[in-house]
């Protein structure tokens, strides 16, 4: 019985992911593409506070490590992942991350394995669209 429940859970979770392209998120979400230098590294290791900040800023991340990871139900086809890595990945041994705004434009690119969350969030908070969002946010 436990095996059947486990199989149903795995099958259900694999069908719940939706293949998209970055353009599908335009005007809805900001996107963070993370290309680690060490493909075997395990995810971003987000704190609760950072997760709250991601939600507050409509920021979805996609982590292109050995295992693909995201804070959304979305995923990319393998071919599209390779295309994104060619387009945005640095190809260096340092790793990099790229912030894409709601308008679809690249807003920030940084090199290295560690994400500078303060720089990332301050970059987002200085964007005109984000400033309007913060002004219109009910308190």
N, C-alpha and C. Protein backbone atom coordinates (compact mmCIF):
# COMPACT_ATOMS: atom_id res chain seq x y z
N UNK A 1 0.82 -1.20 0.00
CA UNK A 1 0.00 0.00 0.00
C UNK A 1 0.87 1.26 0.00
N UNK A 2 1.94 1.25 0.83
CA UNK A 2 2.83 2.41 0.88
C UNK A 2 3.48 2.65 -0.48
N UNK A 3 3.82 1.58 -1.18
CA UNK A 3 4.44 1.72 -2.50
C UNK A 3 3.46 2.35 -3.46
N UNK A 4 2.21 1.96 -3.45
CA UNK A 4 1.20 2.52 -4.32
C UNK A 4 1.01 4.01 -4.05
N UNK A 5 0.95 4.40 -2.80
CA UNK A 5 0.80 5.81 -2.44
C UNK A 5 2.01 6.61 -2.90
N UNK A 6 3.20 6.04 -2.70
CA UNK A 6 4.42 6.72 -3.13
C UNK A 6 4.43 6.89 -4.64
N UNK A 7 4.06 5.86 -5.38
CA UNK A 7 4.01 5.95 -6.84
C UNK A 7 3.02 7.01 -7.31
N UNK A 8 1.87 7.05 -6.69
CA UNK A 8 0.86 8.04 -7.05
C UNK A 8 1.36 9.45 -6.77
N UNK A 9 2.06 9.63 -5.65
CA UNK A 9 2.61 10.95 -5.32
C UNK A 9 3.65 11.38 -6.35
N UNK A 10 4.55 10.47 -6.70
CA UNK A 10 5.60 10.79 -7.68
C UNK A 10 4.97 11.11 -9.04
N UNK A 11 4.01 10.29 -9.45
CA UNK A 11 3.36 10.53 -10.75
C UNK A 11 2.61 11.85 -10.73
N UNK A 12 1.93 12.14 -9.65
CA UNK A 12 1.18 13.39 -9.54
C UNK A 12 2.08 14.60 -9.57
N UNK A 13 3.21 14.53 -8.88
CA UNK A 13 4.12 15.68 -8.84
C UNK A 13 4.80 15.89 -10.18
N UNK A 14 5.06 14.83 -10.93
CA UNK A 14 5.72 15.01 -12.22
C UNK A 14 4.75 15.60 -13.25
N UNK A 15 3.47 15.30 -13.11
CA UNK A 15 2.50 15.85 -14.04
C UNK A 15 2.12 17.28 -13.69
N UNK A 16 2.38 17.71 -12.46
CA UNK A 16 1.97 19.04 -12.05
C UNK A 16 2.93 20.12 -12.54
N UNK A 17 4.12 19.73 -13.03
CA UNK A 17 5.05 20.71 -13.53
C UNK A 17 4.67 21.10 -14.95
N UNK A 18 4.77 22.39 -15.21
CA UNK A 18 4.40 22.92 -16.51
C UNK A 18 5.64 23.42 -17.22
N UNK A 19 5.86 22.95 -18.45
CA UNK A 19 6.98 23.43 -19.24
C UNK A 19 6.63 24.81 -19.79
N UNK A 20 7.54 25.75 -19.58
CA UNK A 20 7.32 27.11 -20.04
C UNK A 20 8.60 27.63 -20.68
N UNK A 21 8.52 28.86 -21.15
CA UNK A 21 9.68 29.62 -21.57
C UNK A 21 9.66 30.93 -20.78
N UNK A 22 10.80 31.60 -20.73
CA UNK A 22 10.91 32.84 -19.96
C UNK A 22 9.84 33.84 -20.37
N UNK A 23 9.55 33.93 -21.66
CA UNK A 23 8.57 34.91 -22.15
C UNK A 23 7.18 34.67 -21.55
N UNK A 24 6.89 33.45 -21.11
CA UNK A 24 5.59 33.14 -20.50
C UNK A 24 5.42 33.82 -19.14
N UNK A 25 6.53 34.23 -18.54
CA UNK A 25 6.48 34.88 -17.23
C UNK A 25 6.52 36.41 -17.34
N UNK A 26 6.69 36.91 -18.56
CA UNK A 26 6.80 38.35 -18.75
C UNK A 26 5.55 39.06 -18.23
N UNK A 27 5.78 40.17 -17.51
CA UNK A 27 4.78 41.02 -16.88
C UNK A 27 4.10 40.37 -15.69
N UNK A 28 4.50 39.14 -15.35
CA UNK A 28 3.94 38.44 -14.18
C UNK A 28 4.96 38.28 -13.08
N UNK A 29 6.17 37.89 -13.45
CA UNK A 29 7.21 37.57 -12.47
C UNK A 29 8.57 38.10 -12.89
N UNK A 30 9.40 38.37 -11.90
CA UNK A 30 10.82 38.57 -12.13
C UNK A 30 11.44 37.18 -12.06
N UNK A 31 12.54 36.99 -12.77
CA UNK A 31 13.14 35.66 -12.87
C UNK A 31 14.62 35.74 -12.52
N UNK A 32 15.07 34.80 -11.70
CA UNK A 32 16.48 34.67 -11.36
C UNK A 32 16.96 33.34 -11.92
N UNK A 33 17.92 33.41 -12.83
CA UNK A 33 18.54 32.21 -13.40
C UNK A 33 19.89 32.02 -12.71
N UNK A 34 20.08 30.87 -12.09
CA UNK A 34 21.31 30.60 -11.34
C UNK A 34 22.06 29.45 -12.02
N UNK A 35 23.31 29.75 -12.41
CA UNK A 35 24.17 28.77 -13.07
C UNK A 35 25.39 28.54 -12.17
N UNK A 36 25.34 27.53 -11.30
CA UNK A 36 26.46 27.31 -10.36
C UNK A 36 27.70 26.79 -11.08
N UNK A 37 28.86 27.14 -10.54
CA UNK A 37 30.12 26.63 -11.10
C UNK A 37 30.20 25.13 -10.88
N UNK A 38 29.79 24.68 -9.70
CA UNK A 38 29.80 23.26 -9.37
C UNK A 38 28.40 22.72 -9.61
N UNK A 39 28.24 21.99 -10.69
CA UNK A 39 26.92 21.45 -11.04
C UNK A 39 26.40 20.45 -10.02
N UNK A 40 27.29 19.94 -9.16
CA UNK A 40 26.88 18.98 -8.12
C UNK A 40 26.41 19.67 -6.85
N UNK A 41 26.55 21.00 -6.78
CA UNK A 41 26.10 21.74 -5.60
C UNK A 41 24.60 21.53 -5.41
N UNK A 42 24.17 21.53 -4.17
CA UNK A 42 22.77 21.23 -3.86
C UNK A 42 21.97 22.49 -3.59
N UNK A 43 21.36 23.04 -4.59
CA UNK A 43 20.40 24.13 -4.45
C UNK A 43 20.92 25.39 -3.80
N UNK A 44 19.99 26.27 -3.49
CA UNK A 44 20.33 27.59 -2.97
C UNK A 44 20.38 27.66 -1.45
N UNK A 45 19.75 26.72 -0.76
CA UNK A 45 19.75 26.75 0.70
C UNK A 45 19.15 28.04 1.25
N UNK A 46 17.94 28.33 0.85
CA UNK A 46 17.28 29.59 1.19
C UNK A 46 16.80 29.62 2.64
N UNK A 47 16.96 30.76 3.27
CA UNK A 47 16.40 30.96 4.60
C UNK A 47 14.91 31.32 4.45
N UNK A 48 14.18 31.24 5.55
CA UNK A 48 12.76 31.62 5.52
C UNK A 48 12.61 33.09 5.13
N UNK A 49 13.49 33.94 5.63
CA UNK A 49 13.41 35.38 5.33
C UNK A 49 13.60 35.65 3.85
N UNK A 50 14.54 34.95 3.23
CA UNK A 50 14.77 35.14 1.79
C UNK A 50 13.57 34.63 1.01
N UNK A 51 12.99 33.53 1.42
CA UNK A 51 11.81 33.00 0.73
C UNK A 51 10.66 34.00 0.78
N UNK A 52 10.49 34.67 1.91
CA UNK A 52 9.45 35.70 2.04
C UNK A 52 9.76 36.86 1.08
N UNK A 53 11.04 37.26 1.02
CA UNK A 53 11.44 38.34 0.12
C UNK A 53 11.22 37.97 -1.34
N UNK A 54 11.43 36.72 -1.70
CA UNK A 54 11.19 36.26 -3.08
C UNK A 54 9.72 36.42 -3.44
N UNK A 55 8.85 35.98 -2.56
CA UNK A 55 7.41 36.07 -2.80
C UNK A 55 6.98 37.53 -2.88
N UNK A 56 7.47 38.36 -1.96
CA UNK A 56 7.12 39.78 -1.92
C UNK A 56 7.49 40.49 -3.22
N UNK A 57 8.56 40.04 -3.86
CA UNK A 57 9.05 40.69 -5.09
C UNK A 57 8.65 39.95 -6.35
N UNK A 58 7.73 38.99 -6.25
CA UNK A 58 7.30 38.21 -7.42
C UNK A 58 8.49 37.61 -8.15
N UNK A 59 9.43 37.07 -7.39
CA UNK A 59 10.67 36.55 -7.96
C UNK A 59 10.67 35.03 -7.96
N UNK A 60 10.80 34.46 -9.14
CA UNK A 60 10.90 33.02 -9.31
C UNK A 60 12.35 32.70 -9.68
N UNK A 61 12.93 31.71 -9.05
CA UNK A 61 14.29 31.32 -9.42
C UNK A 61 14.29 29.96 -10.10
N UNK A 62 15.29 29.78 -10.95
CA UNK A 62 15.56 28.51 -11.60
C UNK A 62 17.04 28.22 -11.42
N UNK A 63 17.33 27.10 -10.78
CA UNK A 63 18.69 26.71 -10.44
C UNK A 63 19.12 25.59 -11.38
N UNK A 64 20.15 25.85 -12.16
CA UNK A 64 20.60 24.93 -13.20
C UNK A 64 21.78 24.08 -12.73
N UNK A 65 21.65 23.45 -11.58
CA UNK A 65 22.68 22.56 -11.07
C UNK A 65 22.50 21.17 -11.64
N UNK A 66 23.12 20.22 -10.99
CA UNK A 66 22.98 18.82 -11.41
C UNK A 66 21.51 18.43 -11.40
N UNK A 67 20.80 18.95 -10.40
CA UNK A 67 19.35 18.79 -10.35
C UNK A 67 18.71 20.15 -10.54
N UNK A 68 17.80 20.25 -11.46
CA UNK A 68 17.09 21.49 -11.73
C UNK A 68 16.17 21.79 -10.55
N UNK A 69 16.16 23.04 -10.10
CA UNK A 69 15.37 23.41 -8.93
C UNK A 69 14.68 24.75 -9.18
N UNK A 70 13.49 24.91 -8.62
CA UNK A 70 12.76 26.17 -8.74
C UNK A 70 11.82 26.32 -7.56
N UNK A 71 11.44 27.56 -7.28
CA UNK A 71 10.44 27.82 -6.24
C UNK A 71 9.06 27.98 -6.88
N UNK A 72 8.89 27.41 -8.05
CA UNK A 72 7.63 27.50 -8.77
C UNK A 72 7.27 26.13 -9.33
N UNK A 73 6.05 25.98 -9.82
CA UNK A 73 5.68 24.70 -10.44
C UNK A 73 6.15 24.59 -11.88
N UNK A 74 6.90 25.59 -12.34
CA UNK A 74 7.32 25.62 -13.73
C UNK A 74 8.67 24.95 -13.93
N UNK A 75 8.88 24.45 -15.12
CA UNK A 75 10.15 23.88 -15.51
C UNK A 75 10.35 24.16 -17.00
N UNK A 76 11.51 23.82 -17.49
CA UNK A 76 11.84 24.00 -18.90
C UNK A 76 12.16 22.65 -19.51
N UNK A 77 11.93 22.53 -20.80
CA UNK A 77 12.38 21.31 -21.48
C UNK A 77 13.90 21.27 -21.42
N UNK A 78 14.48 20.11 -21.58
CA UNK A 78 15.95 19.97 -21.56
C UNK A 78 16.59 20.83 -22.64
N UNK A 79 15.98 20.88 -23.83
CA UNK A 79 16.54 21.70 -24.91
C UNK A 79 16.50 23.18 -24.57
N UNK A 80 15.41 23.63 -23.94
CA UNK A 80 15.31 25.04 -23.56
C UNK A 80 16.29 25.37 -22.43
N UNK A 81 16.51 24.43 -21.52
CA UNK A 81 17.50 24.64 -20.46
C UNK A 81 18.88 24.87 -21.09
N UNK A 82 19.23 24.07 -22.08
CA UNK A 82 20.53 24.23 -22.77
C UNK A 82 20.60 25.57 -23.47
N UNK A 83 19.49 25.98 -24.08
CA UNK A 83 19.44 27.28 -24.76
C UNK A 83 19.66 28.43 -23.77
N UNK A 84 19.01 28.34 -22.61
CA UNK A 84 19.19 29.37 -21.58
C UNK A 84 20.61 29.39 -21.05
N UNK A 85 21.21 28.22 -20.88
CA UNK A 85 22.59 28.16 -20.41
C UNK A 85 23.54 28.80 -21.42
N UNK A 86 23.29 28.60 -22.71
CA UNK A 86 24.12 29.24 -23.74
C UNK A 86 23.92 30.75 -23.74
N UNK A 87 22.70 31.18 -23.58
CA UNK A 87 22.37 32.59 -23.65
C UNK A 87 22.81 33.36 -22.41
N UNK A 88 22.58 32.80 -21.22
CA UNK A 88 22.82 33.52 -19.98
C UNK A 88 23.96 32.97 -19.13
N UNK A 89 24.30 31.70 -19.28
CA UNK A 89 25.37 31.12 -18.47
C UNK A 89 26.72 31.69 -18.89
N UNK A 90 27.59 31.92 -17.93
CA UNK A 90 28.88 32.56 -18.24
C UNK A 90 29.85 31.60 -18.91
N UNK A 91 29.67 30.30 -18.69
CA UNK A 91 30.59 29.34 -19.24
C UNK A 91 31.92 29.32 -18.50
N UNK A 92 32.04 30.11 -17.45
CA UNK A 92 33.30 30.15 -16.70
C UNK A 92 33.22 29.20 -15.52
N UNK A 93 34.35 29.04 -14.85
CA UNK A 93 34.36 28.17 -13.68
C UNK A 93 33.90 28.89 -12.42
N UNK A 94 33.47 30.15 -12.56
CA UNK A 94 33.01 30.93 -11.41
C UNK A 94 31.52 30.75 -11.13
N UNK A 95 30.75 30.40 -12.15
CA UNK A 95 29.31 30.38 -12.02
C UNK A 95 28.77 31.80 -12.14
N UNK A 96 27.48 31.94 -12.33
CA UNK A 96 26.88 33.26 -12.40
C UNK A 96 25.37 33.17 -12.18
N UNK A 97 24.78 34.34 -11.97
CA UNK A 97 23.32 34.43 -11.90
C UNK A 97 22.87 35.68 -12.64
N UNK A 98 21.65 35.60 -13.18
CA UNK A 98 21.11 36.68 -13.99
C UNK A 98 19.70 36.98 -13.50
N UNK A 99 19.42 38.26 -13.30
CA UNK A 99 18.08 38.72 -12.93
C UNK A 99 17.40 39.24 -14.18
N UNK A 100 16.22 38.75 -14.44
CA UNK A 100 15.41 39.20 -15.58
C UNK A 100 14.18 39.88 -15.01
N UNK A 101 13.93 41.12 -15.45
CA UNK A 101 12.80 41.89 -14.96
C UNK A 101 11.48 41.43 -15.54
N UNK A 102 10.41 41.97 -15.00
CA UNK A 102 9.07 41.62 -15.50
C UNK A 102 8.90 41.99 -16.97
N UNK A 103 9.69 42.97 -17.43
CA UNK A 103 9.60 43.37 -18.83
C UNK A 103 10.37 42.44 -19.76
N UNK A 104 11.07 41.45 -19.19
CA UNK A 104 11.81 40.48 -19.98
C UNK A 104 13.26 40.85 -20.21
N UNK A 105 13.68 42.02 -19.74
CA UNK A 105 15.06 42.46 -19.93
C UNK A 105 15.98 42.00 -18.83
N UNK A 106 17.25 41.80 -19.17
CA UNK A 106 18.26 41.42 -18.19
C UNK A 106 18.62 42.65 -17.35
N UNK A 107 18.51 42.54 -16.03
CA UNK A 107 18.70 43.67 -15.13
C UNK A 107 19.99 43.61 -14.34
N UNK A 108 20.50 42.41 -14.11
CA UNK A 108 21.69 42.26 -13.28
C UNK A 108 22.34 40.93 -13.64
N UNK A 109 23.66 40.94 -13.76
CA UNK A 109 24.41 39.70 -13.92
C UNK A 109 25.62 39.77 -13.01
N UNK A 110 25.77 38.77 -12.18
CA UNK A 110 26.87 38.70 -11.23
C UNK A 110 27.56 37.35 -11.38
N UNK A 111 28.86 37.35 -11.11
CA UNK A 111 29.65 36.12 -11.22
C UNK A 111 30.04 35.62 -9.84
N UNK A 112 30.15 34.32 -9.71
CA UNK A 112 30.51 33.69 -8.45
C UNK A 112 29.42 32.74 -8.01
N UNK A 113 29.75 31.93 -7.02
CA UNK A 113 28.80 30.93 -6.54
C UNK A 113 27.79 31.47 -5.55
N UNK A 114 28.16 32.52 -4.82
CA UNK A 114 27.28 33.06 -3.79
C UNK A 114 26.40 34.17 -4.35
N UNK A 115 25.11 34.07 -4.08
CA UNK A 115 24.20 35.12 -4.51
C UNK A 115 24.24 36.24 -3.48
N UNK A 116 24.43 37.45 -3.95
CA UNK A 116 24.42 38.62 -3.08
C UNK A 116 22.96 39.08 -2.99
N UNK A 117 22.25 38.56 -1.99
CA UNK A 117 20.81 38.82 -1.87
C UNK A 117 20.53 40.30 -1.64
N UNK A 118 21.38 40.97 -0.90
CA UNK A 118 21.18 42.40 -0.65
C UNK A 118 21.26 43.19 -1.95
N UNK A 119 22.26 42.89 -2.78
CA UNK A 119 22.38 43.56 -4.08
C UNK A 119 21.20 43.22 -4.98
N UNK A 120 20.83 41.97 -4.99
CA UNK A 120 19.71 41.52 -5.84
C UNK A 120 18.42 42.23 -5.45
N UNK A 121 18.09 42.23 -4.15
CA UNK A 121 16.84 42.85 -3.71
C UNK A 121 16.87 44.37 -3.86
N UNK A 122 18.03 44.99 -3.63
CA UNK A 122 18.09 46.45 -3.81
C UNK A 122 17.98 46.82 -5.28
N UNK A 123 18.51 45.97 -6.17
CA UNK A 123 18.36 46.20 -7.61
C UNK A 123 16.88 46.14 -7.99
N UNK A 124 16.19 45.13 -7.49
CA UNK A 124 14.76 45.00 -7.78
C UNK A 124 14.00 46.19 -7.19
N UNK A 125 14.31 46.55 -5.94
CA UNK A 125 13.58 47.62 -5.26
C UNK A 125 13.80 48.99 -5.89
N UNK A 126 14.83 49.14 -6.71
CA UNK A 126 15.08 50.42 -7.39
C UNK A 126 14.42 50.50 -8.77
N UNK A 127 13.79 49.42 -9.20
CA UNK A 127 13.13 49.39 -10.51
C UNK A 127 11.81 50.17 -10.43
N UNK A 128 11.50 50.95 -11.46
CA UNK A 128 10.26 51.75 -11.44
C UNK A 128 8.99 50.92 -11.18
N UNK A 129 8.91 49.74 -11.78
CA UNK A 129 7.72 48.91 -11.59
C UNK A 129 7.61 48.46 -10.13
N UNK A 130 8.73 48.11 -9.53
CA UNK A 130 8.73 47.68 -8.12
C UNK A 130 8.39 48.84 -7.20
N UNK A 131 8.88 50.03 -7.51
CA UNK A 131 8.56 51.21 -6.70
C UNK A 131 7.04 51.45 -6.71
N UNK A 132 6.43 51.31 -7.88
CA UNK A 132 4.95 51.45 -7.96
C UNK A 132 4.27 50.35 -7.15
N UNK A 133 4.78 49.13 -7.24
CA UNK A 133 4.19 48.02 -6.47
C UNK A 133 4.23 48.31 -4.98
N UNK A 134 5.36 48.83 -4.50
CA UNK A 134 5.50 49.11 -3.07
C UNK A 134 4.57 50.25 -2.64
N UNK A 135 4.39 51.27 -3.51
CA UNK A 135 3.50 52.38 -3.18
C UNK A 135 2.05 51.92 -3.12
N UNK A 136 1.67 51.00 -4.00
CA UNK A 136 0.29 50.54 -4.10
C UNK A 136 -0.02 49.38 -3.16
N UNK A 137 1.00 48.87 -2.47
CA UNK A 137 0.82 47.72 -1.59
C UNK A 137 0.02 48.13 -0.35
N UNK A 138 -1.07 47.41 -0.05
CA UNK A 138 -1.84 47.75 1.17
C UNK A 138 -0.99 47.44 2.41
N UNK A 139 -1.14 48.32 3.39
CA UNK A 139 -0.32 48.15 4.60
C UNK A 139 -1.09 47.55 5.71
